[in-house]
Protein backbone atom coordinates (compact mmCIF):
# COMPACT_ATOMS: atom_id res chain seq x y z
CA LEU A 1 86.77 102.79 91.99
CA LEU A 2 85.76 101.42 88.62
CA ALA A 3 85.43 97.96 90.18
CA LEU A 4 83.11 99.31 92.85
CA ARG A 5 81.03 101.11 90.27
CA LEU A 6 80.78 98.00 88.08
CA SER A 7 79.93 95.85 91.08
CA ARG A 8 76.61 97.68 91.48
CA PHE A 9 75.40 95.92 88.33
CA HIS A 10 76.59 92.40 89.13
CA LYS A 11 75.80 89.86 91.81
CA ASP A 12 79.36 88.65 92.36
CA ARG A 13 80.76 91.93 93.62
CA SER A 14 83.64 90.49 95.58
CA ASP A 15 84.97 88.82 92.43
CA ILE A 16 85.02 92.12 90.52
CA VAL A 17 86.94 93.88 93.27
CA LYS A 18 89.37 90.94 93.62
CA TYR A 19 89.97 90.91 89.86
CA ALA A 20 90.55 94.67 89.80
CA ILE A 21 93.02 94.49 92.67
CA ASN A 22 94.89 91.62 91.01
CA TYR A 23 94.93 93.57 87.74
CA GLY A 24 96.75 96.38 89.51
CA LYS A 25 99.11 93.93 91.18
CA GLY A 26 99.89 92.35 87.81
CA LEU A 27 100.76 95.68 86.21
CA GLN A 28 102.90 96.63 89.21
CA LEU A 29 104.71 93.30 89.15
CA VAL A 30 105.53 93.69 85.46
CA ASN A 31 107.05 97.09 86.26
CA ILE A 32 109.04 95.56 89.12
CA ILE A 33 110.38 92.85 86.81
CA LYS A 34 111.32 95.13 83.92
CA ASP A 35 112.91 97.79 86.14
CA SER A 36 114.53 95.44 88.68
CA ARG A 37 118.09 95.73 87.40
CA ALA A 38 118.01 99.52 87.03
CA ASP A 39 116.32 99.88 90.42
CA TYR A 40 119.06 97.89 92.10
CA LEU A 41 121.71 100.18 90.61
CA GLU A 42 119.88 102.99 92.44
CA ASN A 43 119.84 100.97 95.70
CA ARG A 44 116.21 99.89 95.41
CA CYS A 45 114.85 96.35 95.36
CA TYR A 46 111.12 95.64 95.21
CA ILE A 47 111.39 91.86 94.82
CA PRO A 48 110.11 90.17 97.98
CA ILE A 49 112.93 88.90 100.20
CA GLU A 50 110.98 85.64 100.60
CA LEU A 51 111.69 84.79 96.95
CA PHE A 52 115.41 85.18 97.53
CA GLN A 53 115.25 83.03 100.66
CA ALA A 54 113.10 80.33 99.05
CA ASN A 55 115.55 80.07 96.14
CA GLN A 56 118.65 80.29 98.35
CA CYS A 57 119.92 83.26 96.42
CA LEU A 58 121.53 86.34 97.90
CA VAL A 59 120.26 89.69 96.70
CA GLU A 60 123.79 90.71 95.72
CA SER A 61 124.26 87.48 93.72
CA PHE A 62 120.96 88.00 91.97
CA TYR A 63 122.07 91.36 90.64
CA ASN A 64 125.65 90.34 89.89
CA THR A 65 125.72 89.78 86.13
CA ARG A 66 128.13 86.83 86.48
CA SER A 67 126.24 84.81 89.10
CA SER A 68 122.71 85.91 88.23
CA THR A 69 122.53 83.35 85.43
CA ASP A 70 122.63 80.62 88.09
CA GLU A 71 119.50 78.50 88.12
CA SER A 72 118.39 79.75 91.55
CA CYS A 73 118.57 83.36 90.38
CA LEU A 74 116.81 82.65 87.09
CA ASN A 75 114.14 80.80 89.02
CA ILE A 76 113.28 84.02 90.87
CA TYR A 77 112.51 85.76 87.58
CA ARG A 78 110.48 82.75 86.44
CA GLN A 79 108.43 82.86 89.62
CA LEU A 80 107.86 86.60 89.28
CA VAL A 81 106.71 86.13 85.68
CA GLU A 82 104.34 83.32 86.71
CA MET A 83 102.86 85.51 89.45
CA ALA A 84 102.40 88.42 87.03
CA GLU A 85 100.76 86.17 84.44
CA ALA A 86 98.34 84.83 87.05
CA TYR A 87 97.40 88.36 88.08
CA LEU A 88 96.91 89.35 84.45
CA LEU A 89 94.47 86.47 83.98
CA ASP A 90 92.33 88.22 86.57
CA ALA A 91 92.73 91.42 84.55
CA ARG A 92 90.99 89.67 81.66
CA ARG A 93 88.23 88.52 83.98
CA PHE A 94 87.80 92.07 85.27
CA ILE A 95 87.61 93.55 81.77
CA ARG A 96 84.81 91.18 80.84
CA TYR A 97 82.65 92.94 83.43
CA ILE A 98 82.95 96.25 81.59
CA PRO A 99 79.90 96.64 79.32
CA ARG A 100 80.67 96.42 75.60
CA HIS A 101 79.13 99.81 74.86
CA HIS A 102 81.86 101.47 76.98
CA LEU A 103 84.42 101.07 74.21
CA ARG A 104 86.84 103.77 75.38
CA LEU A 105 86.79 102.48 78.93
CA ARG A 106 87.38 98.92 77.75
CA PHE A 107 90.24 100.10 75.51
CA SER A 108 91.85 102.07 78.35
CA CYS A 109 91.77 98.97 80.55
CA ILE A 110 92.84 96.51 77.86
CA LEU A 111 95.84 98.46 76.53
CA PRO A 112 97.93 98.28 79.75
CA MET A 113 97.12 94.58 80.04
CA VAL A 114 98.23 93.90 76.44
CA LEU A 115 101.41 95.94 76.95
CA ALA A 116 102.14 93.97 80.13
CA ASP A 117 101.55 90.67 78.31
CA SER A 118 103.85 91.77 75.51
CA THR A 119 106.53 92.83 77.97
CA LEU A 120 106.39 89.48 79.80
CA SER A 121 106.44 87.49 76.57
CA GLN A 122 109.48 89.35 75.23
CA PHE A 123 111.15 89.28 78.64
CA LYS A 124 110.92 85.48 78.79
CA ARG A 125 112.62 85.24 75.39
CA ARG A 126 115.39 87.74 76.22
CA ILE A 127 116.08 87.15 79.89
CA GLY A 128 119.80 86.42 79.30
CA PRO A 129 120.63 89.71 77.56
CA PHE A 130 118.47 91.58 80.09
CA ILE A 131 120.56 90.24 82.96
CA LYS A 132 123.87 90.97 81.22
CA GLU A 133 122.92 94.52 80.22
CA ASN A 134 121.80 95.40 83.76
CA ARG A 135 119.24 98.01 82.76
CA THR A 136 115.51 98.52 82.31
CA PHE A 137 113.72 96.12 79.98
CA LYS A 138 111.77 97.88 77.23
CA ILE A 139 109.59 96.73 74.37
CA SER A 140 109.94 98.24 70.92
CA LYS A 141 107.80 101.03 69.48
CA ARG A 142 106.57 98.55 66.92
CA SER A 143 105.35 96.29 69.74
CA VAL A 144 103.55 99.24 71.31
CA ARG A 145 101.79 100.05 68.02
CA TYR A 146 100.79 96.41 67.64
CA ALA A 147 99.49 96.41 71.23
CA MET A 148 97.32 99.44 70.47
CA PHE A 149 95.69 97.74 67.47
CA LYS A 150 95.26 94.50 69.38
CA SER A 151 93.70 96.38 72.28
CA LEU A 152 91.22 98.07 69.99
CA TRP A 153 90.28 94.73 68.48
CA LEU A 154 89.93 93.12 71.91
CA SER A 155 87.80 96.06 73.08
CA LEU A 156 85.31 95.12 70.40
CA THR A 157 85.45 91.35 70.75
CA ILE A 158 85.92 90.14 74.34
């Protein structure tokens, strides 16, 4: 809805809506990545079956802590992270359409993006332990506080 409202003030309306949709997809994909192991333990899998097929990896192997460190299984996570990062680039493009004088609105859109970026960055560094622990991936409270300050700064500057 915000994208539609913003599009009234800009010529390239379809871009704004596309960026907003991709922003939502990026946030959702980050949640899928970070919760994937815990979801599987509850008999849920939101990772597209096409990724498993393209990487010749069985779903059961992917979630088995012994075989999930195989290159084909790790490649699935890498591809998911790349997709999420691409979507989050569109999030930045979308946020640039929000007028600077709407500071609270900008902050409320930037904070989830910064948290998602932080989650992906830490996930890439700790993918091995994440797979072995077989649970939800979380960022620290300190990272959340840092993300809040960074979001405020970005709200004022981008």
